[in-house]
Amino acid sequence: MGITKVTRNFQVTLPKDVREMEKINIGDKFIVTIEDDEIIMKKIKSEILDRSFGVWGKGSSGVEFTRKIRDEAEEREKRLGI
């Protein structure tokens, strides 16, 4: 384990030995919490993120997904005469 510091942009560099031991790659995401006056960083497994945001489907945003659902509902209402 190494020592690191906070830059003027409030960024922190993870020491090389930590990156290698935990197989941390560019683009990996972390959750940062505070527990008992300690800052805890935990790497988020990509499959957890995929499951969490998979509802939107690949390549579409939440806004696009919402519009699609709204349009489909409007079409159903027209077909049913509601």
C-alpha atoms as a PDB file:
ATOM      1  CA  MET A   1       0.000   0.000   0.000  1.00  0.00           C
ATOM      2  CA  GLY A   2       1.305   3.421  -0.896  1.00  0.00           C
ATOM      3  CA  ILE A   3       0.673   7.000   0.054  1.00  0.00           C
ATOM      4  CA  THR A   4      -1.178   9.360  -2.252  1.00  0.00           C
ATOM      5  CA  LYS A   5      -2.340  12.956  -2.099  1.00  0.00           C
ATOM      6  CA  VAL A   6      -5.296  14.992  -3.282  1.00  0.00           C
ATOM      7  CA  THR A   7      -4.552  17.274  -6.252  1.00  0.00           C
ATOM      8  CA  ARG A   8      -5.906  20.799  -6.613  1.00  0.00           C
ATOM      9  CA  ASN A   9      -8.749  19.293  -8.697  1.00  0.00           C
ATOM     10  CA  PHE A  10      -9.549  16.938  -5.782  1.00  0.00           C
ATOM     11  CA  GLN A  11      -8.298  13.909  -7.712  1.00  0.00           C
ATOM     12  CA  VAL A  12      -6.462  10.992  -6.129  1.00  0.00           C
ATOM     13  CA  THR A  13      -4.045   8.618  -7.881  1.00  0.00           C
ATOM     14  CA  LEU A  14      -4.266   5.010  -6.762  1.00  0.00           C
ATOM     15  CA  PRO A  15      -0.828   3.537  -6.030  1.00  0.00           C
ATOM     16  CA  LYS A  16       0.452   1.060  -8.624  1.00  0.00           C
ATOM     17  CA  ASP A  17       0.510  -1.903  -6.233  1.00  0.00           C
ATOM     18  CA  VAL A  18      -3.151  -1.318  -5.334  1.00  0.00           C
ATOM     19  CA  ARG A  19      -4.149  -1.036  -9.013  1.00  0.00           C
ATOM     20  CA  GLU A  20      -2.340  -4.273  -9.833  1.00  0.00           C
ATOM     21  CA  MET A  21      -3.611  -6.231  -6.814  1.00  0.00           C
ATOM     22  CA  GLU A  22      -7.223  -5.221  -7.460  1.00  0.00           C
ATOM     23  CA  LYS A  23      -6.961  -5.368 -11.279  1.00  0.00           C
ATOM     24  CA  ILE A  24      -8.127  -1.766 -11.656  1.00  0.00           C
ATOM     25  CA  ASN A  25      -8.370  -0.491 -15.231  1.00  0.00           C
ATOM     26  CA  ILE A  26      -9.067   2.847 -16.857  1.00  0.00           C
ATOM     27  CA  GLY A  27     -12.806   3.518 -16.766  1.00  0.00           C
ATOM     28  CA  ASP A  28     -13.544   1.338 -13.731  1.00  0.00           C
ATOM     29  CA  LYS A  29     -16.135   2.836 -11.411  1.00  0.00           C
ATOM     30  CA  PHE A  30     -16.077   3.083  -7.617  1.00  0.00           C
ATOM     31  CA  ILE A  31     -18.553   3.854  -4.901  1.00  0.00           C
ATOM     32  CA  VAL A  32     -17.226   6.122  -2.162  1.00  0.00           C
ATOM     33  CA  THR A  33     -18.775   6.059   1.312  1.00  0.00           C
ATOM     34  CA  ILE A  34     -17.926   7.248   4.788  1.00  0.00           C
ATOM     35  CA  GLU A  35     -18.041   4.750   7.659  1.00  0.00           C
ATOM     36  CA  ASP A  36     -16.922   5.617  11.181  1.00  0.00           C
ATOM     37  CA  ASP A  37     -14.876   8.642  10.027  1.00  0.00           C
ATOM     38  CA  GLU A  38     -13.135   6.574   7.303  1.00  0.00           C
ATOM     39  CA  ILE A  39     -13.447   7.065   3.552  1.00  0.00           C
ATOM     40  CA  ILE A  40     -14.150   3.729   1.869  1.00  0.00           C
ATOM     41  CA  MET A  41     -13.714   3.200  -1.894  1.00  0.00           C
ATOM     42  CA  LYS A  42     -15.153   0.023  -3.391  1.00  0.00           C
ATOM     43  CA  LYS A  43     -14.770  -1.026  -7.004  1.00  0.00           C
ATOM     44  CA  ILE A  44     -18.135  -1.645  -8.645  1.00  0.00           C
ATOM     45  CA  LYS A  45     -18.255  -4.822 -10.694  1.00  0.00           C
ATOM     46  CA  SER A  46     -19.281  -4.044 -14.273  1.00  0.00           C
ATOM     47  CA  GLU A  47     -21.944  -6.776 -14.338  1.00  0.00           C
ATOM     48  CA  ILE A  48     -23.710  -5.075 -11.427  1.00  0.00           C
ATOM     49  CA  LEU A  49     -23.824  -1.805 -13.383  1.00  0.00           C
ATOM     50  CA  ASP A  50     -25.012  -3.618 -16.506  1.00  0.00           C
ATOM     51  CA  ARG A  51     -27.881  -5.219 -14.574  1.00  0.00           C
ATOM     52  CA  SER A  52     -28.781  -1.928 -12.895  1.00  0.00           C
ATOM     53  CA  PHE A  53     -28.904   0.099 -16.090  1.00  0.00           C
ATOM     54  CA  GLY A  54     -29.878  -2.715 -18.446  1.00  0.00           C
ATOM     55  CA  VAL A  55     -33.507  -1.628 -18.250  1.00  0.00           C
ATOM     56  CA  TRP A  56     -32.718   1.198 -20.677  1.00  0.00           C
ATOM     57  CA  GLY A  57     -31.375  -1.209 -23.252  1.00  0.00           C
ATOM     58  CA  LYS A  58     -28.205  -0.836 -25.235  1.00  0.00           C
ATOM     59  CA  GLY A  59     -27.590   2.506 -26.872  1.00  0.00           C
ATOM     60  CA  SER A  60     -30.601   4.376 -25.515  1.00  0.00           C
ATOM     61  CA  SER A  61     -30.867   6.857 -22.698  1.00  0.00           C
ATOM     62  CA  GLY A  62     -33.482   7.028 -19.982  1.00  0.00           C
ATOM     63  CA  VAL A  63     -35.172   9.891 -21.818  1.00  0.00           C
ATOM     64  CA  GLU A  64     -35.353   7.903 -25.069  1.00  0.00           C
ATOM     65  CA  PHE A  65     -36.691   4.872 -23.189  1.00  0.00           C
ATOM     66  CA  THR A  66     -39.376   6.997 -21.487  1.00  0.00           C
ATOM     67  CA  ARG A  67     -40.444   8.540 -24.802  1.00  0.00           C
ATOM     68  CA  LYS A  68     -40.693   5.094 -26.372  1.00  0.00           C
ATOM     69  CA  ILE A  69     -42.909   3.810 -23.535  1.00  0.00           C
ATOM     70  CA  ARG A  70     -45.103   6.958 -23.717  1.00  0.00           C
ATOM     71  CA  ASP A  71     -45.495   6.649 -27.505  1.00  0.00           C
ATOM     72  CA  GLU A  72     -46.431   2.973 -27.231  1.00  0.00           C
ATOM     73  CA  ALA A  73     -49.011   3.784 -24.548  1.00  0.00           C
ATOM     74  CA  GLU A  74     -50.549   6.520 -26.724  1.00  0.00           C
ATOM     75  CA  GLU A  75     -50.775   4.114 -29.687  1.00  0.00           C
ATOM     76  CA  ARG A  76     -52.500   1.502 -27.502  1.00  0.00           C
ATOM     77  CA  GLU A  77     -54.990   4.086 -26.245  1.00  0.00           C
ATOM     78  CA  LYS A  78     -55.824   5.097 -29.841  1.00  0.00           C
ATOM     79  CA  ARG A  79     -56.304   1.467 -30.876  1.00  0.00           C
ATOM     80  CA  LEU A  80     -58.587   0.848 -27.891  1.00  0.00           C
ATOM     81  CA  GLY A  81     -60.472   4.141 -28.402  1.00  0.00           C
ATOM     82  CA  ILE A  82     -59.653   5.440 -24.927  1.00  0.00           C
END
